PDB file of N, CA and C in Angstrom:
ATOM      1  N   MET A   1     103.924  91.293  39.174  1.00  0.00           N
ATOM      2  CA  MET A   1     102.373  90.898  39.013  1.00  0.00           C
ATOM      3  C   MET A   1     101.868  91.468  40.378  1.00  0.00           C
ATOM      4  N   THR A   2     100.821  91.540  40.351  1.00  0.00           N
ATOM      5  CA  THR A   2      99.800  91.768  41.850  1.00  0.00           C
ATOM      6  C   THR A   2      98.803  90.738  41.865  1.00  0.00           C
ATOM      7  N   ILE A   3      98.279  90.736  42.921  1.00  0.00           N
ATOM      8  CA  ILE A   3      97.417  89.441  43.183  1.00  0.00           C
ATOM      9  C   ILE A   3      96.367  90.597  44.129  1.00  0.00           C
ATOM     10  N   ASP A   4      95.140  90.248  43.700  1.00  0.00           N
ATOM     11  CA  ASP A   4      94.189  90.839  44.647  1.00  0.00           C
ATOM     12  C   ASP A   4      93.225  89.562  44.824  1.00  0.00           C
ATOM     13  N   GLY A   5      92.257  89.619  45.964  1.00  0.00           N
ATOM     14  CA  GLY A   5      91.403  88.791  46.359  1.00  0.00           C
ATOM     15  C   GLY A   5      90.457  88.681  45.480  1.00  0.00           C
ATOM     16  N   ASN A   6      90.121  89.399  44.328  1.00  0.00           N
ATOM     17  CA  ASN A   6      89.068  89.011  43.180  1.00  0.00           C
ATOM     18  C   ASN A   6      89.745  87.728  42.382  1.00  0.00           C
ATOM     19  N   ASP A   7      91.271  87.870  42.218  1.00  0.00           N
ATOM     20  CA  ASP A   7      91.618  86.832  41.694  1.00  0.00           C
ATOM     21  C   ASP A   7      91.530  85.329  41.952  1.00  0.00           C
ATOM     22  N   LEU A   8      91.589  85.423  43.470  1.00  0.00           N
ATOM     23  CA  LEU A   8      91.768  84.130  44.001  1.00  0.00           C
ATOM     24  C   LEU A   8      90.376  83.750  44.403  1.00  0.00           C
ATOM     25  N   ASP A   9      89.396  84.710  44.280  1.00  0.00           N
ATOM     26  CA  ASP A   9      88.024  84.104  44.543  1.00  0.00           C
ATOM     27  C   ASP A   9      87.391  83.490  43.181  1.00  0.00           C
ATOM     28  N   ARG A  10      88.091  84.096  41.702  1.00  0.00           N
ATOM     29  CA  ARG A  10      87.366  83.606  40.832  1.00  0.00           C
ATOM     30  C   ARG A  10      87.966  82.418  40.125  1.00  0.00           C
ATOM     31  N   ASN A  11      89.026  81.680  41.171  1.00  0.00           N
ATOM     32  CA  ASN A  11      89.745  80.547  41.058  1.00  0.00           C
ATOM     33  C   ASN A  11      90.320  80.642  39.751  1.00  0.00           C
ATOM     34  N   ARG A  12      91.076  81.765  39.301  1.00  0.00           N
ATOM     35  CA  ARG A  12      91.900  81.664  38.015  1.00  0.00           C
ATOM     36  C   ARG A  12      93.205  81.175  38.229  1.00  0.00           C
ATOM     37  N   PRO A  13      93.883  80.832  37.101  1.00  0.00           N
ATOM     38  CA  PRO A  13      95.545  80.719  37.132  1.00  0.00           C
ATOM     39  C   PRO A  13      96.014  82.092  37.318  1.00  0.00           C
ATOM     40  N   LEU A  14      97.021  82.485  38.273  1.00  0.00           N
ATOM     41  CA  LEU A  14      97.567  83.834  38.192  1.00  0.00           C
ATOM     42  C   LEU A  14      98.771  83.865  37.057  1.00  0.00           C
ATOM     43  N   ARG A  15      98.611  84.807  36.219  1.00  0.00           N
ATOM     44  CA  ARG A  15      99.692  85.161  35.150  1.00  0.00           C
ATOM     45  C   ARG A  15     100.025  86.310  35.322  1.00  0.00           C
ATOM     46  N   SER A  16     101.105  86.818  34.897  1.00  0.00           N
ATOM     47  CA  SER A  16     101.829  87.854  34.622  1.00  0.00           C
ATOM     48  C   SER A  16     101.533  88.391  32.929  1.00  0.00           C
ATOM     49  N   PRO A  17     101.609  89.667  32.734  1.00  0.00           N
ATOM     50  CA  PRO A  17     101.529  90.059  31.244  1.00  0.00           C
ATOM     51  C   PRO A  17     102.284  89.584  30.463  1.00  0.00           C
ATOM     52  N   SER A  18     103.916  89.188  30.941  1.00  0.00           N
ATOM     53  CA  SER A  18     104.884  88.583  30.309  1.00  0.00           C
ATOM     54  C   SER A  18     104.740  87.157  30.015  1.00  0.00           C
ATOM     55  N   ASP A  19     103.479  86.517  30.647  1.00  0.00           N
ATOM     56  CA  ASP A  19     103.313  85.229  29.987  1.00  0.00           C
ATOM     57  C   ASP A  19     102.629  84.646  28.989  1.00  0.00           C
ATOM     58  N   SER A  20     102.621  85.697  28.258  1.00  0.00           N
ATOM     59  CA  SER A  20     101.526  85.567  26.690  1.00  0.00           C
ATOM     60  C   SER A  20     102.278  84.368  26.132  1.00  0.00           C
ATOM     61  N   PRO A  21     101.441  83.417  25.678  1.00  0.00           N
ATOM     62  CA  PRO A  21     102.079  82.289  24.576  1.00  0.00           C
ATOM     63  C   PRO A  21     102.854  82.670  23.527  1.00  0.00           C
ATOM     64  N   MET A  22     103.827  82.074  23.441  1.00  0.00           N
ATOM     65  CA  MET A  22     104.880  82.617  22.228  1.00  0.00           C
ATOM     66  C   MET A  22     103.938  82.691  20.693  1.00  0.00           C
ATOM     67  N   GLY A  23     104.318  83.497  19.988  1.00  0.00           N
ATOM     68  CA  GLY A  23     103.941  83.718  18.539  1.00  0.00           C
ATOM     69  C   GLY A  23     104.765  82.911  17.684  1.00  0.00           C
ATOM     70  N   ARG A  24     104.137  82.500  16.567  1.00  0.00           N
ATOM     71  CA  ARG A  24     104.942  81.858  15.391  1.00  0.00           C
ATOM     72  C   ARG A  24     104.613  82.460  14.403  1.00  0.00           C
ATOM     73  N   ILE A  25     105.709  83.357  13.673  1.00  0.00           N
ATOM     74  CA  ILE A  25     105.627  84.110  12.497  1.00  0.00           C
ATOM     75  C   ILE A  25     105.409  83.231  11.198  1.00  0.00           C
ATOM     76  N   VAL A  26     104.214  83.857  10.410  1.00  0.00           N
ATOM     77  CA  VAL A  26     104.174  82.971   9.156  1.00  0.00           C
ATOM     78  C   VAL A  26     104.219  84.027   8.251  1.00  0.00           C
ATOM     79  N   GLU A  27     104.971  83.523   7.311  1.00  0.00           N
ATOM     80  CA  GLU A  27     105.044  84.413   5.826  1.00  0.00           C
ATOM     81  C   GLU A  27     104.018  83.763   4.894  1.00  0.00           C
ATOM     82  N   MET A  28     103.290  84.598   4.377  1.00  0.00           N
ATOM     83  CA  MET A  28     102.397  83.715   3.526  1.00  0.00           C
ATOM     84  C   MET A  28     102.962  84.636   2.183  1.00  0.00           C
ATOM     85  N   ALA A  29     103.523  83.447   1.113  1.00  0.00           N
ATOM     86  CA  ALA A  29     104.339  84.256   0.135  1.00  0.00           C
ATOM     87  C   ALA A  29     103.527  84.361  -0.743  1.00  0.00           C
ATOM     88  N   PHE A  30     102.244  83.782  -1.224  1.00  0.00           N
ATOM     89  CA  PHE A  30     101.636  84.028  -2.292  1.00  0.00           C
ATOM     90  C   PHE A  30     101.143  85.608  -2.215  1.00  0.00           C
ATOM     91  N   SER A  31     100.533  85.894  -0.823  1.00  0.00           N
ATOM     92  CA  SER A  31      99.984  87.446  -0.503  1.00  0.00           C
ATOM     93  C   SER A  31     101.075  88.672  -0.522  1.00  0.00           C
ATOM     94  N   GLY A  32     102.092  88.009  -0.161  1.00  0.00           N
ATOM     95  CA  GLY A  32     103.321  88.677   0.436  1.00  0.00           C
ATOM     96  C   GLY A  32     103.037  89.555   2.089  1.00  0.00           C
ATOM     97  N   LEU A  33     102.377  88.752   2.705  1.00  0.00           N
ATOM     98  CA  LEU A  33     101.766  89.113   3.999  1.00  0.00           C
ATOM     99  C   LEU A  33     102.416  88.535   5.284  1.00  0.00           C
ATOM    100  N   TRP A  34     102.558  89.089   6.422  1.00  0.00           N
ATOM    101  CA  TRP A  34     103.080  88.272   7.485  1.00  0.00           C
ATOM    102  C   TRP A  34     102.270  88.428   8.728  1.00  0.00           C
ATOM    103  N   VAL A  35     101.932  87.156   9.486  1.00  0.00           N
ATOM    104  CA  VAL A  35     101.083  87.053  10.457  1.00  0.00           C
ATOM    105  C   VAL A  35     101.673  86.579  11.627  1.00  0.00           C
ATOM    106  N   VAL A  36     101.175  86.656  12.629  1.00  0.00           N
ATOM    107  CA  VAL A  36     101.565  85.694  13.861  1.00  0.00           C
ATOM    108  C   VAL A  36     100.372  84.835  14.212  1.00  0.00           C
ATOM    109  N   ARG A  37     100.762  83.703  14.702  1.00  0.00           N
ATOM    110  CA  ARG A  37     100.024  82.507  14.901  1.00  0.00           C
ATOM    111  C   ARG A  37     100.065  82.127  16.526  1.00  0.00           C
ATOM    112  N   GLN A  38      99.011  82.262  17.334  1.00  0.00           N
ATOM    113  CA  GLN A  38      99.187  81.870  18.730  1.00  0.00           C
ATOM    114  C   GLN A  38      98.023  80.999  19.273  1.00  0.00           C
ATOM    115  N   ARG A  39      98.609  79.711  19.800  1.00  0.00           N
ATOM    116  CA  ARG A  39      97.412  78.729  20.060  1.00  0.00           C
ATOM    117  C   ARG A  39      96.736  78.392  18.873  1.00  0.00           C
ATOM    118  N   GLY A  40      97.295  78.244  17.672  1.00  0.00           N
ATOM    119  CA  GLY A  40      96.743  77.574  16.277  1.00  0.00           C
ATOM    120  C   GLY A  40      95.737  78.462  15.894  1.00  0.00           C
ATOM    121  N   ALA A  41      95.767  79.902  16.068  1.00  0.00           N
ATOM    122  CA  ALA A  41      94.867  80.631  15.237  1.00  0.00           C
ATOM    123  C   ALA A  41      95.584  82.437  15.093  1.00  0.00           C
ATOM    124  N   LEU A  42      95.086  82.877  14.190  1.00  0.00           N
ATOM    125  CA  LEU A  42      95.930  84.188  14.095  1.00  0.00           C
ATOM    126  C   LEU A  42      95.498  85.182  15.214  1.00  0.00           C
ATOM    127  N   ALA A  43      96.555  85.676  15.465  1.00  0.00           N
ATOM    128  CA  ALA A  43      96.638  86.819  16.591  1.00  0.00           C
ATOM    129  C   ALA A  43      96.553  88.144  16.081  1.00  0.00           C
ATOM    130  N   GLU A  44      95.509  89.037  16.821  1.00  0.00           N
ATOM    131  CA  GLU A  44      95.263  90.115  16.540  1.00  0.00           C
ATOM    132  C   GLU A  44      96.234  90.930  17.482  1.00  0.00           C
ATOM    133  N   ILE A  45      97.067  91.933  16.857  1.00  0.00           N
ATOM    134  CA  ILE A  45      97.918  92.696  17.394  1.00  0.00           C
ATOM    135  C   ILE A  45      97.676  93.926  17.274  1.00  0.00           C
ATOM    136  N   GLY A  46      97.457  94.845  18.422  1.00  0.00           N
ATOM    137  CA  GLY A  46      97.188  96.411  17.952  1.00  0.00           C
ATOM    138  C   GLY A  46      95.977  96.717  17.241  1.00  0.00           C
ATOM    139  N   GLY A  47      94.938  95.514  17.052  1.00  0.00           N
ATOM    140  CA  GLY A  47      93.909  95.783  16.366  1.00  0.00           C
ATOM    141  C   GLY A  47      94.015  95.296  14.628  1.00  0.00           C
ATOM    142  N   ARG A  48      95.201  94.688  14.375  1.00  0.00           N
ATOM    143  CA  ARG A  48      95.732  94.284  12.947  1.00  0.00           C
ATOM    144  C   ARG A  48      96.040  92.611  13.204  1.00  0.00           C
ATOM    145  N   LEU A  49      95.608  92.059  12.094  1.00  0.00           N
ATOM    146  CA  LEU A  49      96.073  90.596  11.848  1.00  0.00           C
ATOM    147  C   LEU A  49      97.146  90.353  10.893  1.00  0.00           C
ATOM    148  N   TYR A  50      97.530  91.396  10.069  1.00  0.00           N
ATOM    149  CA  TYR A  50      98.733  91.086   9.312  1.00  0.00           C
ATOM    150  C   TYR A  50      99.484  92.491   8.736  1.00  0.00           C
ATOM    151  N   TRP A  51     100.800  92.189   8.515  1.00  0.00           N
ATOM    152  CA  TRP A  51     101.404  93.153   7.925  1.00  0.00           C
ATOM    153  C   TRP A  51     102.367  92.898   6.728  1.00  0.00           C
ATOM    154  N   SER A  52     102.829  94.010   6.247  1.00  0.00           N
ATOM    155  CA  SER A  52     103.448  93.758   4.927  1.00  0.00           C
ATOM    156  C   SER A  52     104.861  93.394   4.993  1.00  0.00           C
ATOM    157  N   ASP A  53     105.507  93.516   6.241  1.00  0.00           N
ATOM    158  CA  ASP A  53     107.063  92.728   6.239  1.00  0.00           C
ATOM    159  C   ASP A  53     107.095  92.604   7.750  1.00  0.00           C
ATOM    160  N   ARG A  54     108.436  91.839   7.846  1.00  0.00           N
ATOM    161  CA  ARG A  54     108.292  90.971   9.194  1.00  0.00           C
ATOM    162  C   ARG A  54     108.764  92.087  10.179  1.00  0.00           C
ATOM    163  N   ALA A  55     109.591  92.955   9.663  1.00  0.00           N
ATOM    164  CA  ALA A  55     109.992  94.111  10.942  1.00  0.00           C
ATOM    165  C   ALA A  55     109.102  94.862  11.346  1.00  0.00           C
ATOM    166  N   SER A  56     107.903  95.179  10.848  1.00  0.00           N
ATOM    167  CA  SER A  56     106.844  95.875  11.474  1.00  0.00           C
ATOM    168  C   SER A  56     106.093  94.921  12.150  1.00  0.00           C
ATOM    169  N   LEU A  57     105.764  93.608  11.721  1.00  0.00           N
ATOM    170  CA  LEU A  57     105.519  92.663  12.604  1.00  0.00           C
ATOM    171  C   LEU A  57     106.217  92.464  13.953  1.00  0.00           C
ATOM    172  N   GLU A  58     107.215  92.240  13.968  1.00  0.00           N
ATOM    173  CA  GLU A  58     108.251  92.034  15.192  1.00  0.00           C
ATOM    174  C   GLU A  58     108.207  93.228  16.431  1.00  0.00           C
ATOM    175  N   GLN A  59     108.247  94.432  15.524  1.00  0.00           N
ATOM    176  CA  GLN A  59     107.821  95.649  16.231  1.00  0.00           C
ATOM    177  C   GLN A  59     106.258  95.532  17.048  1.00  0.00           C
ATOM    178  N   ALA A  60     105.449  95.351  16.095  1.00  0.00           N
ATOM    179  CA  ALA A  60     104.008  95.513  16.979  1.00  0.00           C
ATOM    180  C   ALA A  60     104.120  94.608  18.094  1.00  0.00           C
ATOM    181  N   ALA A  61     104.463  93.225  17.777  1.00  0.00           N
ATOM    182  CA  ALA A  61     104.499  92.183  18.740  1.00  0.00           C
ATOM    183  C   ALA A  61     105.323  92.557  20.140  1.00  0.00           C
ATOM    184  N   ALA A  62     106.467  93.157  19.598  1.00  0.00           N
ATOM    185  CA  ALA A  62     107.396  93.578  20.798  1.00  0.00           C
ATOM    186  C   ALA A  62     106.765  94.606  22.167  1.00  0.00           C
ATOM    187  N   GLN A  63     105.707  95.528  21.045  1.00  0.00           N
ATOM    188  CA  GLN A  63     105.090  96.710  21.707  1.00  0.00           C
ATOM    189  C   GLN A  63     103.884  96.119  22.825  1.00  0.00           C
ATOM    190  N   ALA A  64     103.408  94.996  22.184  1.00  0.00           N
ATOM    191  CA  ALA A  64     102.146  94.011  22.664  1.00  0.00           C
ATOM    192  C   ALA A  64     102.927  93.098  23.772  1.00  0.00           C
ATOM    193  N   GLY A  65     103.958  92.752  24.020  1.00  0.00           N
ATOM    194  CA  GLY A  65     104.608  92.112  24.746  1.00  0.00           C
ATOM    195  C   GLY A  65     104.476  90.755  24.506  1.00  0.00           C
ATOM    196  N   ILE A  66     104.563  90.562  23.213  1.00  0.00           N
ATOM    197  CA  ILE A  66     104.054  89.057  22.499  1.00  0.00           C
ATOM    198  C   ILE A  66     105.681  88.447  22.147  1.00  0.00           C
ATOM    199  N   PRO A  67     106.173  87.499  23.099  1.00  0.00           N
ATOM    200  CA  PRO A  67     107.481  87.005  22.411  1.00  0.00           C
ATOM    201  C   PRO A  67     107.387  85.930  21.083  1.00  0.00           C
ATOM    202  N   LEU A  68     108.318  86.169  20.406  1.00  0.00           N
ATOM    203  CA  LEU A  68     108.215  85.426  18.906  1.00  0.00           C
ATOM    204  C   LEU A  68     109.196  84.443  18.925  1.00  0.00           C
ATOM    205  N   SER A  69     108.562  83.193  18.470  1.00  0.00           N
ATOM    206  CA  SER A  69     109.721  81.992  18.248  1.00  0.00           C
ATOM    207  C   SER A  69     110.683  82.480  17.120  1.00  0.00           C
ATOM    208  N   ALA A  70     111.839  82.141  17.046  1.00  0.00           N
ATOM    209  CA  ALA A  70     112.807  82.171  16.003  1.00  0.00           C
ATOM    210  C   ALA A  70     112.773  81.834  14.887  1.00  0.00           C
ATOM    211  N   ASP A  71     111.740  80.249  15.036  1.00  0.00           N
ATOM    212  CA  ASP A  71     111.327  79.663  13.692  1.00  0.00           C
ATOM    213  C   ASP A  71     110.158  80.537  12.810  1.00  0.00           C
ATOM    214  N   VAL A  72     110.345  80.502  11.667  1.00  0.00           N
ATOM    215  CA  VAL A  72     109.451  81.302  10.966  1.00  0.00           C
ATOM    216  C   VAL A  72     108.896  80.128   9.679  1.00  0.00           C
ATOM    217  N   ILE A  73     107.569  80.321   9.644  1.00  0.00           N
ATOM    218  CA  ILE A  73     106.873  79.438   8.716  1.00  0.00           C
ATOM    219  C   ILE A  73     106.703  80.159   7.296  1.00  0.00           C
ATOM    220  N   HIS A  74     107.069  79.450   6.151  1.00  0.00           N
ATOM    221  CA  HIS A  74     106.863  80.084   5.091  1.00  0.00           C
ATOM    222  C   HIS A  74     105.899  79.451   4.315  1.00  0.00           C
ATOM    223  N   THR A  75     105.039  80.042   3.803  1.00  0.00           N
ATOM    224  CA  THR A  75     104.156  79.182   3.064  1.00  0.00           C
ATOM    225  C   THR A  75     103.929  79.572   1.485  1.00  0.00           C
ATOM    226  N   GLY A  76     103.364  78.712   0.743  1.00  0.00           N
ATOM    227  CA  GLY A  76     103.467  78.909  -0.769  1.00  0.00           C
ATOM    228  C   GLY A  76     104.202  77.906  -1.509  1.00  0.00           C
ATOM    229  N   ARG A  77     104.018  78.147  -2.759  1.00  0.00           N
ATOM    230  CA  ARG A  77     104.715  76.935  -3.599  1.00  0.00           C
ATOM    231  C   ARG A  77     106.022  77.432  -3.731  1.00  0.00           C
ATOM    232  N   LEU A  78     106.887  76.590  -3.861  1.00  0.00           N
ATOM    233  CA  LEU A  78     108.419  76.495  -3.906  1.00  0.00           C
ATOM    234  C   LEU A  78     108.948  76.757  -5.220  1.00  0.00           C
ATOM    235  N   ASP A  79     108.133  76.047  -6.456  1.00  0.00           N
ATOM    236  CA  ASP A  79     108.578  76.353  -7.699  1.00  0.00           C
ATOM    237  C   ASP A  79     107.604  77.219  -8.257  1.00  0.00           C
ATOM    238  N   THR A  80     108.003  78.408  -8.762  1.00  0.00           N
ATOM    239  CA  THR A  80     107.172  79.273  -9.331  1.00  0.00           C
ATOM    240  C   THR A  80     107.008  79.522 -10.694  1.00  0.00           C
ATOM    241  N   GLY A  81     107.434  78.378 -11.262  1.00  0.00           N
ATOM    242  CA  GLY A  81     107.283  78.176 -12.741  1.00  0.00           C
ATOM    243  C   GLY A  81     105.917  78.037 -13.206  1.00  0.00           C
ATOM    244  N   SER A  82     105.830  77.884 -14.672  1.00  0.00           N
ATOM    245  CA  SER A  82     104.515  77.266 -14.931  1.00  0.00           C
ATOM    246  C   SER A  82     104.114  75.911 -14.427  1.00  0.00           C
ATOM    247  N   PHE A  83     102.555  76.124 -14.292  1.00  0.00           N
ATOM    248  CA  PHE A  83     102.206  74.492 -13.750  1.00  0.00           C
ATOM    249  C   PHE A  83     102.355  73.527 -14.886  1.00  0.00           C
ATOM    250  N   ASP A  84     102.986  72.423 -14.954  1.00  0.00           N
ATOM    251  CA  ASP A  84     102.887  71.196 -15.630  1.00  0.00           C
ATOM    252  C   ASP A  84     102.285  70.157 -15.150  1.00  0.00           C
ATOM    253  N   THR A  85     101.208  69.549 -15.797  1.00  0.00           N
ATOM    254  CA  THR A  85     100.162  68.633 -15.448  1.00  0.00           C
ATOM    255  C   THR A  85     100.815  67.372 -16.026  1.00  0.00           C
ATOM    256  N   GLY A  86     101.984  67.016 -16.469  1.00  0.00           N
ATOM    257  CA  GLY A  86     102.761  65.985 -17.105  1.00  0.00           C
ATOM    258  C   GLY A  86     102.186  65.328 -17.985  1.00  0.00           C
ATOM    259  N   ARG A  87     100.993  66.208 -18.725  1.00  0.00           N
ATOM    260  CA  ARG A  87     100.440  65.413 -20.167  1.00  0.00           C
ATOM    261  C   ARG A  87     101.119  66.071 -21.242  1.00  0.00           C
ATOM    262  N   GLY A  88     101.677  65.113 -22.289  1.00  0.00           N
ATOM    263  CA  GLY A  88     102.546  65.243 -23.305  1.00  0.00           C
ATOM    264  C   GLY A  88     101.795  66.631 -24.123  1.00  0.00           C
TER     265      GLY A  88
END
């Protein structure tokens, strides 16, 4: 990390590029897409917001220097059977 006078004059916190906040992988089961969430919002990585598989997402995040959590959020319904209203 390099520091120049402009950083100090602007009164900004000093951060290195590797200080990127950790991303959370989200699998959106209904659509089959994979996304990364950072600071509660979808993260744009290399101009993209979603990937068709986890491996591609992880590769893009690694190239962008975004650390990913080992925990994955899986969305969607657990029961994929027909909807039952419970009415006779």
